[in-house]
Each structure stands twice: as structure tokens, then as C-alpha cells.
């Protein structure tokens, strides 16, 4: 089998994979290039043209009108593998075991010191069950200080700030939830969602069933998405 036939077979395989994904047969490569496969947008458009030339224009004097390079074929095979096995949320996330998490019994001053020392911006606060109670951030302190201008954080525990911790109580930022099998594209779309007053999503929590009260499995930041797209 020559490289032209190998290229065409790989392209057909890609179309079949995408036909299953989108539930239709026509236009799936363009749909993929504009959405989940956008990192390969230019390559997919080029390969579509090459496929049309190879399929519909046959040969001139016995030779193909275009011959894919080995690099082009390898890139198409890479895209095919990516379409078959897209990155899933849990593979993108920092797993729970590697996260710095807190409990309601932890002292606020110690958590603040830890954040300053290690450069953390958000600390997940867990229930005893392992589900997410809330998130501690600088915004949490601002909200508490606004309502309690005479209070000091010395001696306080996170339980004393519990009304400010739930994700929905944060007024300057937003959080989203995803299932372990959510795709990279779905995670990217979550980060595009803005809440009231243009609150942006700063973290996506991976939980069982993408439930707000599901067991926390990991956390994804915009940096995690960027890194996955570059790999």
C-alpha cells in the first residue's frame, strides 16, 4: 500500500470516528476542526483539501496529483489518535492527593501563611466525607473583612468564615464542576462561562458525576488547560 492510500484510509478512519461522535456523516471534520479539534484547525483544513484531490482527481499520467509527505501522514495519524482518545478531565487535573486542601477546623492564619509561602491562590475546603464544602481565597478574606471591619483573623478557624466559603458565595470569581470523563474541549468551554458581573471561572473541580456535593477528585486551572493544549 502506497502512502496515498494509507493517507486516505487514515482520513476515512477519522471520518468514521467523528461520525460516531457527532451522530452524522457529513461535515464532521469541519465541525471537529472548529471545536474539539481546534488545535489542529489548519492541518485538518489542509488534509481535507488533500483528501479531495486524492479521491476525486485521481492520477495524471499514472501519478497522484498530490503525494502526502511522511510528516503529513504522521500528523494525520496523531489527530486520529487524539480524536479516538481525547484528554479527559481527570488526566488534566491536579489529583486530590496532590492538592493542598483544608478542613473547617484549620486556623485561618495558618492557611494564609501556607498560601503566601507556596503561592497558592485557592484552597479547597473539604467536608469530612471528602466532598467540597467551599474554597478559601483572598476574596474570602476581603468579604469577611468587609462585614467584620473590627475583627482579626487571629484565633479564627475556617468554620468561623464558613458562610463565605461555598463556591456560590464568592462574589468576584466563579467555579465550575466536571465529571472525570469530561473532555478537554468541555473543560475549555466551562472556563469561557462568565457569571453575574463578569465573574470568571478560575477553577474547575472534578467530582463524581460533576455534582456540587460529589467526592472531590481533582482541580483544573486555566494553566492546566494551556499546558494540555501545548502537549
Protein backbone atom coordinates (compact mmCIF):
# COMPACT_ATOMS: atom_id res chain seq x y z
CA UNK A 1 0.00 0.00 0.00
CA UNK A 2 1.48 3.39 -1.02
CA UNK A 3 1.46 6.50 1.16
CA UNK A 4 -1.51 7.98 -0.72
CA UNK A 5 -3.72 5.01 0.10
CA UNK A 6 -2.50 4.97 3.68
CA UNK A 7 -3.37 8.66 3.98
CA UNK A 8 -6.86 8.13 2.55
CA UNK A 9 -7.50 5.19 4.86
CA UNK A 10 -6.45 7.22 7.88
CA UNK A 11 -8.72 10.08 6.80
CA UNK A 12 -11.63 7.65 6.37
CA UNK A 13 -10.95 6.29 9.86
CA UNK A 14 -11.07 9.84 11.21
CA UNK A 15 -14.39 10.48 9.47
CA UNK A 16 -15.82 7.27 10.95
CA UNK A 17 -14.70 8.21 14.47
CA UNK A 18 -16.22 11.67 14.10
CA UNK A 19 -19.42 10.30 12.57
CA UNK A 20 -19.97 8.31 15.76
CA UNK A 21 -19.06 11.32 17.93
CA UNK A 22 -21.45 13.73 16.18
CA UNK A 23 -24.13 11.29 15.04
CA UNK A 24 -23.85 12.32 11.41
CA UNK A 25 -21.68 11.55 8.41
CA UNK A 26 -21.24 14.87 6.58
CA UNK A 27 -19.23 17.88 7.67
CA UNK A 28 -17.82 16.21 10.74
CA UNK A 29 -14.18 17.09 10.04
CA UNK A 30 -15.08 20.78 9.71
CA UNK A 31 -17.12 20.58 12.92
CA UNK A 32 -14.23 18.95 14.73
CA UNK A 33 -11.72 21.48 13.42
CA UNK A 34 -13.89 24.34 14.65
CA UNK A 35 -14.48 22.81 18.07
CA UNK A 36 -12.82 20.00 19.94
CA UNK A 37 -10.01 19.63 17.41
CA UNK A 38 -9.32 23.35 17.06
CA UNK A 39 -5.64 22.86 17.96
CA UNK A 40 -5.39 21.08 14.58
CA UNK A 41 -7.55 23.57 12.67
CA UNK A 42 -5.02 24.44 9.94
CA UNK A 43 -3.84 20.87 9.47
CA UNK A 44 -7.38 19.50 9.20
CA UNK A 45 -8.35 22.05 6.55
CA UNK A 46 -5.23 21.21 4.58
CA UNK A 47 -5.78 17.47 4.91
CA UNK A 48 -9.39 17.85 3.78
CA UNK A 49 -8.17 19.51 0.57
CA UNK A 50 -5.53 16.82 0.08
CA UNK A 51 -8.13 14.10 0.59
CA UNK A 52 -10.41 15.72 -2.02
CA UNK A 53 -7.58 15.91 -4.53
CA UNK A 54 -6.57 12.31 -3.97
CA UNK A 55 -10.15 10.98 -4.02
CA UNK A 56 -11.76 12.96 -6.80
CA UNK A 57 -8.98 13.88 -9.21
CA UNK A 58 -7.32 10.50 -9.46
CA UNK A 59 -3.99 10.47 -11.24
CA UNK A 60 -2.31 12.39 -14.04
CA UNK A 61 -0.29 10.20 -16.36
CA UNK A 62 -0.43 7.50 -13.73
CA UNK A 63 0.89 9.65 -10.89
CA UNK A 64 -1.13 11.09 -7.98
CA UNK A 65 -1.95 14.79 -8.26
CA UNK A 66 -0.59 15.22 -4.75
CA UNK A 67 1.57 12.96 -2.60
CA UNK A 68 1.35 13.36 1.19
CA UNK A 69 4.66 13.67 2.94
CA UNK A 70 5.58 11.29 5.72
CA UNK A 71 5.26 14.21 8.15
CA UNK A 72 1.72 14.93 6.93
CA UNK A 73 0.72 11.29 7.33
CA UNK A 74 2.18 11.16 10.83
CA UNK A 75 0.30 14.32 11.80
CA UNK A 76 -2.96 12.87 10.46
CA UNK A 77 -2.37 9.70 12.48
CA UNK A 78 -1.71 11.87 15.54
CA UNK A 79 -5.03 13.67 15.01
CA UNK A 80 -6.81 10.33 14.57
CA UNK A 81 -5.41 9.08 17.87
CA UNK A 82 -6.35 12.35 19.57
CA UNK A 83 -9.92 12.04 18.27
CA UNK A 84 -10.14 8.45 19.47
CA UNK A 85 -8.69 9.18 22.90
CA UNK A 86 -9.16 12.86 23.78
CA UNK A 87 -7.69 14.12 27.08
CA UNK A 88 -10.18 13.64 29.91
CA UNK A 89 -10.74 15.88 32.91
CA UNK A 90 -9.08 13.64 35.45
CA UNK A 91 -5.90 13.41 33.37
CA UNK A 92 -5.76 17.22 33.18
CA UNK A 93 -6.44 17.86 36.85
CA UNK A 94 -4.17 18.06 39.82
CA UNK A 95 -5.42 15.00 41.70
CA UNK A 96 -6.90 15.39 45.15
CA UNK A 97 -3.94 13.60 46.73
CA UNK A 98 -1.61 16.33 45.39
CA UNK A 99 -3.86 19.28 46.27
CA UNK A 100 -3.40 21.40 49.35
CA UNK A 101 -6.83 21.02 50.95
CA UNK A 102 -8.15 22.37 54.24
CA UNK A 103 -10.76 21.42 56.80
CA UNK A 104 -13.16 23.68 58.66
CA UNK A 105 -11.17 23.10 61.84
CA UNK A 106 -7.98 24.61 60.34
CA UNK A 107 -6.83 28.02 61.57
CA UNK A 108 -7.24 30.85 59.09
CA UNK A 109 -3.85 32.37 59.92
CA UNK A 110 -2.07 29.09 59.19
CA UNK A 111 -3.86 28.70 55.85
CA UNK A 112 -2.97 32.28 54.89
CA UNK A 113 0.67 31.63 55.78
CA UNK A 114 0.68 28.45 53.71
CA UNK A 115 -0.81 30.27 50.72
CA UNK A 116 1.81 33.01 50.97
CA UNK A 117 4.66 30.54 51.32
CA UNK A 118 3.66 28.26 48.45
CA UNK A 119 1.99 30.77 46.16
CA UNK A 120 -1.48 29.20 46.28
CA UNK A 121 -4.42 31.37 45.29
CA UNK A 122 -7.24 28.97 46.17
CA UNK A 123 -7.51 26.26 48.81
CA UNK A 124 -10.34 23.71 48.55
CA UNK A 125 -12.08 23.21 51.89
CA UNK A 126 -13.45 19.68 52.33
CA UNK A 127 -16.20 18.12 54.34
CA UNK A 128 -15.46 15.01 56.38
CA UNK A 129 -16.93 12.96 53.52
CA UNK A 130 -14.32 14.28 51.08
CA UNK A 131 -16.77 16.44 49.15
CA UNK A 132 -16.16 20.13 48.57
CA UNK A 133 -17.52 22.43 51.26
CA UNK A 134 -16.04 25.57 49.75
CA UNK A 135 -12.98 27.46 48.60
CA UNK A 136 -10.74 29.73 50.63
CA UNK A 137 -9.11 32.60 48.73
CA UNK A 138 -8.06 36.21 49.14
CA UNK A 139 -11.60 37.10 48.13
CA UNK A 140 -12.84 35.18 51.17
CA UNK A 141 -10.77 37.40 53.45
CA UNK A 142 -11.98 40.56 51.71
CA UNK A 143 -15.61 39.50 52.10
CA UNK A 144 -15.11 38.69 55.78
CA UNK A 145 -13.23 41.95 56.45
CA UNK A 146 -15.94 43.97 54.74
CA UNK A 147 -18.61 42.55 57.04
CA UNK A 148 -16.37 42.47 60.13
CA UNK A 149 -14.08 45.53 59.90
CA UNK A 150 -13.04 45.35 63.56
CA UNK A 151 -12.22 41.64 63.58
CA UNK A 152 -8.84 39.96 63.33
CA UNK A 153 -8.24 36.56 61.78
CA UNK A 154 -6.02 35.56 64.68
CA UNK A 155 -7.58 32.63 66.50
CA UNK A 156 -10.27 32.12 63.88
CA UNK A 157 -10.84 28.83 62.11
CA UNK A 158 -12.30 28.31 58.66
CA UNK A 159 -15.53 27.34 60.37
CA UNK A 160 -15.82 30.96 61.55
CA UNK A 161 -15.72 32.01 57.89
CA UNK A 162 -17.98 29.20 56.69
CA UNK A 163 -20.65 31.48 55.27
CA UNK A 164 -18.10 32.95 52.82
CA UNK A 165 -16.58 29.65 51.64
CA UNK A 166 -19.21 27.93 49.43
CA UNK A 167 -18.41 28.40 45.71
CA UNK A 168 -21.66 30.21 45.08
CA UNK A 169 -20.85 32.76 47.82
CA UNK A 170 -17.76 34.11 46.07
CA UNK A 171 -18.61 37.49 44.59
CA UNK A 172 -15.55 38.15 42.43
CA UNK A 173 -14.94 34.73 40.90
CA UNK A 174 -16.74 31.62 39.77
CA UNK A 175 -16.16 27.87 39.99
CA UNK A 176 -17.44 25.04 37.82
CA UNK A 177 -17.79 21.27 38.20
CA UNK A 178 -16.98 18.49 35.75
CA UNK A 179 -17.10 14.72 35.67
CA UNK A 180 -13.90 12.67 35.44
CA UNK A 181 -14.68 11.82 31.79
CA UNK A 182 -15.38 15.38 30.61
CA UNK A 183 -13.22 16.19 27.58
CA UNK A 184 -10.60 18.90 27.29
CA UNK A 185 -12.96 20.77 24.95
CA UNK A 186 -15.78 20.66 27.52
CA UNK A 187 -13.41 21.94 30.20
CA UNK A 188 -12.34 24.80 27.93
CA UNK A 189 -15.97 25.73 27.39
CA UNK A 190 -16.54 25.84 31.17
CA UNK A 191 -13.74 28.37 31.54
CA UNK A 192 -15.44 30.59 28.95
CA UNK A 193 -18.59 30.90 31.05
CA UNK A 194 -18.99 34.17 32.90
CA UNK A 195 -21.22 34.67 35.90
CA UNK A 196 -23.03 37.82 37.06
CA UNK A 197 -20.90 40.96 36.92
CA UNK A 198 -18.49 39.15 34.59
CA UNK A 199 -17.24 36.77 37.26
CA UNK A 200 -14.83 34.43 35.51
CA UNK A 201 -14.33 30.75 36.20
CA UNK A 202 -10.99 30.41 37.99
CA UNK A 203 -11.08 26.67 38.67
CA UNK A 204 -12.99 23.57 37.62
CA UNK A 205 -13.46 20.92 40.29
CA UNK A 206 -13.61 17.33 39.09
CA UNK A 207 -16.13 15.45 41.20
CA UNK A 208 -18.05 12.20 40.97
CA UNK A 209 -20.83 12.84 38.47
CA UNK A 210 -19.88 16.54 38.22
CA UNK A 211 -22.04 17.04 41.31
CA UNK A 212 -21.59 20.04 43.57
CA UNK A 213 -21.63 17.69 46.56
CA UNK A 214 -19.76 14.84 44.85
CA UNK A 215 -16.48 13.48 46.17
CA UNK A 216 -13.64 15.75 45.05
CA UNK A 217 -11.27 14.02 42.63
CA UNK A 218 -9.12 16.92 41.43
CA UNK A 219 -8.91 20.55 40.37
CA UNK A 220 -8.22 22.09 36.97
CA UNK A 221 -6.90 25.62 36.43
CA UNK A 222 -6.59 27.60 33.17
CA UNK A 223 -2.87 26.79 33.29
CA UNK A 224 -3.66 23.07 33.22
CA UNK A 225 -5.74 23.58 30.06
CA UNK A 226 -3.00 25.64 28.41
CA UNK A 227 -0.40 23.00 29.23
CA UNK A 228 -2.61 20.22 27.83
CA UNK A 229 -3.11 22.10 24.57
CA UNK A 230 0.62 22.60 24.14
CA UNK A 231 1.46 18.93 24.66
